[in-house]
Amino acid sequence: MEATRRIRAPYPATQVVVLTTYADDESLFARLRAGARGCLTKDAGGEETVRAVADVMSGRAGFAPAVQLRLLAQITAPTVSAELPGGLTRREAEVPALVAEGLPDSGTARVPHIGTATVKTRIDNLFTKGEGRDRAQAARYAHRHGLAQPPGASVT
């Protein structure tokens, strides 16, 4: 992110495509705010890389398909209208909701932008921010703040 800022500050017309091993949402959006116009994960092939660079040079965005899906998920995700207590971000608040549903860390496959490592990190963040010490307290937090689906509700 810092490299992107340093490149674009003196040369704002320069377009940046990031190739990264860190594809979590927070890093992705920070890179975009820094000025990147494309983002590929480390497993991008040669054709995908060339296409992304060509797209960005033509004035379009150059994102890996998985990154595009995460961007779409972020943009279309329902927003929590009330401010979340404890300084939690909306993304961090997703995890207690999953915990409240009884899903293990590895059971989040239906939420494509959250991997197991991210779930564990967000649970740790929840605990660090004083919102519990275990998964049961995380579930209570989700119910108390309206983040959990009511029993029998369907998830679309």
Protein backbone atom coordinates (compact mmCIF):
# COMPACT_ATOMS: atom_id res chain seq x y z
CA MET A 1 0.00 0.00 0.00
CA GLU A 2 2.80 2.36 0.86
CA ALA A 3 4.57 1.58 -2.42
CA THR A 4 1.39 2.35 -4.35
CA ARG A 5 1.03 5.68 -2.55
CA ARG A 6 4.67 6.57 -3.17
CA ILE A 7 4.42 5.72 -6.86
CA ARG A 8 1.16 7.57 -7.46
CA ALA A 9 1.94 10.69 -5.40
CA PRO A 10 4.49 12.18 -7.81
CA TYR A 11 3.04 10.36 -10.85
CA PRO A 12 -0.76 10.30 -10.46
CA ALA A 13 -1.29 9.06 -14.02
CA THR A 14 0.71 5.90 -13.27
CA GLN A 15 -1.56 2.90 -12.94
CA VAL A 16 -0.78 0.17 -10.40
CA VAL A 17 -1.76 -3.50 -10.46
CA VAL A 18 -0.94 -5.27 -7.21
CA LEU A 19 0.18 -8.89 -7.08
CA THR A 20 -0.23 -10.05 -3.51
CA THR A 21 -0.27 -12.95 -1.10
CA TYR A 22 -2.56 -10.96 1.23
CA ALA A 23 -6.03 -10.95 -0.29
CA ASP A 24 -8.15 -10.24 2.77
CA ASP A 25 -10.80 -7.56 2.45
CA GLU A 26 -9.09 -5.01 4.67
CA SER A 27 -5.85 -5.17 2.66
CA LEU A 28 -7.71 -5.15 -0.65
CA PHE A 29 -9.66 -2.00 0.17
CA ALA A 30 -6.60 -0.29 1.62
CA ARG A 31 -4.75 -0.98 -1.65
CA LEU A 32 -7.60 0.50 -3.66
CA ARG A 33 -7.71 3.57 -1.43
CA ALA A 34 -3.94 3.92 -1.96
CA GLY A 35 -4.57 4.10 -5.70
CA ALA A 36 -4.25 0.56 -7.08
CA ARG A 37 -6.46 -0.04 -10.12
CA GLY A 38 -6.05 -3.79 -10.16
CA CYS A 39 -5.33 -6.64 -7.79
CA LEU A 40 -4.29 -10.21 -8.47
CA THR A 41 -3.58 -12.97 -6.03
CA LYS A 42 -0.28 -14.82 -6.08
CA ASP A 43 -1.82 -17.75 -7.94
CA ALA A 44 -2.69 -15.62 -11.00
CA GLY A 45 -1.43 -17.13 -14.23
CA GLY A 46 0.45 -15.35 -16.98
CA GLU A 47 -2.62 -14.75 -19.15
CA GLU A 48 -4.59 -13.35 -16.22
CA THR A 49 -1.71 -11.03 -15.31
CA VAL A 50 -1.31 -9.75 -18.88
CA ARG A 51 -5.09 -9.22 -19.13
CA ALA A 52 -5.18 -7.26 -15.85
CA VAL A 53 -2.30 -5.00 -16.91
CA ALA A 54 -3.89 -4.42 -20.33
CA ASP A 55 -7.25 -3.66 -18.72
CA VAL A 56 -5.73 -1.13 -16.34
CA MET A 57 -3.71 0.50 -19.13
CA SER A 58 -6.97 0.85 -21.10
CA GLY A 59 -8.68 2.66 -18.24
CA ARG A 60 -10.53 -0.34 -16.83
CA ALA A 61 -10.01 -2.17 -13.56
CA GLY A 62 -7.91 -5.34 -13.51
CA PHE A 63 -9.04 -7.77 -10.84
CA ALA A 64 -8.75 -11.50 -10.40
CA PRO A 65 -12.18 -13.17 -10.57
CA ALA A 66 -12.02 -14.09 -6.86
CA VAL A 67 -11.23 -10.46 -6.00
CA GLN A 68 -14.15 -9.28 -8.15
CA LEU A 69 -16.49 -11.58 -6.23
CA ARG A 70 -15.25 -10.23 -2.91
CA LEU A 71 -15.69 -6.65 -4.09
CA LEU A 72 -19.23 -7.46 -5.17
CA ALA A 73 -19.93 -9.17 -1.85
CA GLN A 74 -18.62 -6.13 0.02
CA ILE A 75 -20.70 -3.70 -1.98
CA THR A 76 -23.91 -5.71 -1.84
CA ALA A 77 -23.63 -6.86 1.79
CA PRO A 78 -26.41 -5.57 4.00
CA THR A 79 -25.23 -2.78 6.22
CA VAL A 80 -25.72 -2.64 9.94
CA SER A 81 -27.59 0.59 10.55
CA ALA A 82 -26.65 1.07 14.18
CA GLU A 83 -23.08 1.77 15.20
CA LEU A 84 -21.47 -1.36 16.53
CA PRO A 85 -20.24 -1.25 20.11
CA GLY A 86 -16.67 -1.93 21.04
CA GLY A 87 -15.28 -0.39 17.89
CA LEU A 88 -16.06 -3.45 15.78
CA THR A 89 -16.05 -3.05 12.04
CA ARG A 90 -18.94 -4.37 9.97
CA ARG A 91 -16.64 -7.14 8.70
CA GLU A 92 -15.66 -8.12 12.25
CA ALA A 93 -19.34 -8.20 13.16
CA GLU A 94 -20.01 -10.91 10.55
CA VAL A 95 -18.07 -13.47 12.55
CA PRO A 96 -20.14 -13.42 15.75
CA ALA A 97 -23.20 -13.90 13.54
CA LEU A 98 -21.62 -17.02 12.03
CA VAL A 99 -20.62 -18.25 15.48
CA ALA A 100 -24.18 -17.69 16.70
CA GLU A 101 -25.37 -19.97 13.89
CA GLY A 102 -23.12 -22.65 15.35
CA LEU A 103 -20.73 -22.73 12.41
CA PRO A 104 -17.16 -23.82 13.11
CA ASP A 105 -14.34 -21.71 11.67
CA SER A 106 -14.18 -24.07 8.69
CA GLY A 107 -17.95 -23.94 8.16
CA THR A 108 -17.99 -20.54 6.54
CA ALA A 109 -17.83 -21.80 2.95
CA ARG A 110 -21.16 -20.17 2.21
CA VAL A 111 -19.52 -16.80 2.88
CA PRO A 112 -16.94 -16.81 0.08
CA HIS A 113 -14.96 -13.75 1.18
CA ILE A 114 -14.18 -15.18 4.64
CA GLY A 115 -11.56 -17.90 5.00
CA THR A 116 -10.81 -19.95 8.09
CA ALA A 117 -7.75 -17.85 9.02
CA THR A 118 -9.79 -14.65 8.70
CA VAL A 119 -12.52 -16.08 10.93
CA LYS A 120 -9.96 -16.90 13.62
CA THR A 121 -8.40 -13.44 13.34
CA ARG A 122 -11.76 -11.71 13.60
CA ILE A 123 -12.75 -13.80 16.60
CA ASP A 124 -9.46 -12.80 18.24
CA ASN A 125 -10.20 -9.14 17.37
CA LEU A 126 -13.63 -9.49 18.96
CA PHE A 127 -12.05 -10.81 22.16
CA THR A 128 -9.32 -8.14 22.09
CA LYS A 129 -11.95 -5.42 21.86
CA GLY A 130 -13.49 -6.75 25.05
CA GLU A 131 -16.51 -8.41 23.49
CA GLY A 132 -16.03 -11.84 25.03
CA ARG A 133 -13.55 -14.54 25.86
CA ASP A 134 -15.03 -17.56 24.08
CA ARG A 135 -17.34 -18.58 21.25
CA ALA A 136 -20.42 -18.69 23.51
CA GLN A 137 -19.89 -15.05 24.47
CA ALA A 138 -19.35 -14.17 20.79
CA ALA A 139 -22.72 -15.80 20.02
CA ARG A 140 -24.40 -13.87 22.85
CA TYR A 141 -22.86 -10.65 21.49
CA ALA A 142 -24.33 -11.41 18.05
CA HIS A 143 -27.81 -12.00 19.46
CA ARG A 144 -27.66 -9.02 21.82
CA HIS A 145 -26.77 -6.65 18.96
CA GLY A 146 -29.09 -8.07 16.31
CA LEU A 147 -26.32 -9.55 14.20
CA ALA A 148 -27.51 -13.17 14.33
CA GLN A 149 -30.21 -14.64 12.12
CA PRO A 150 -33.34 -15.49 14.08
CA PRO A 151 -33.88 -19.26 14.48
CA GLY A 152 -35.43 -20.73 11.34
CA ALA A 153 -34.53 -17.72 9.15
CA SER A 154 -33.20 -18.57 5.74
CA VAL A 155 -29.94 -17.15 4.47
CA THR A 156 -29.94 -16.09 0.82
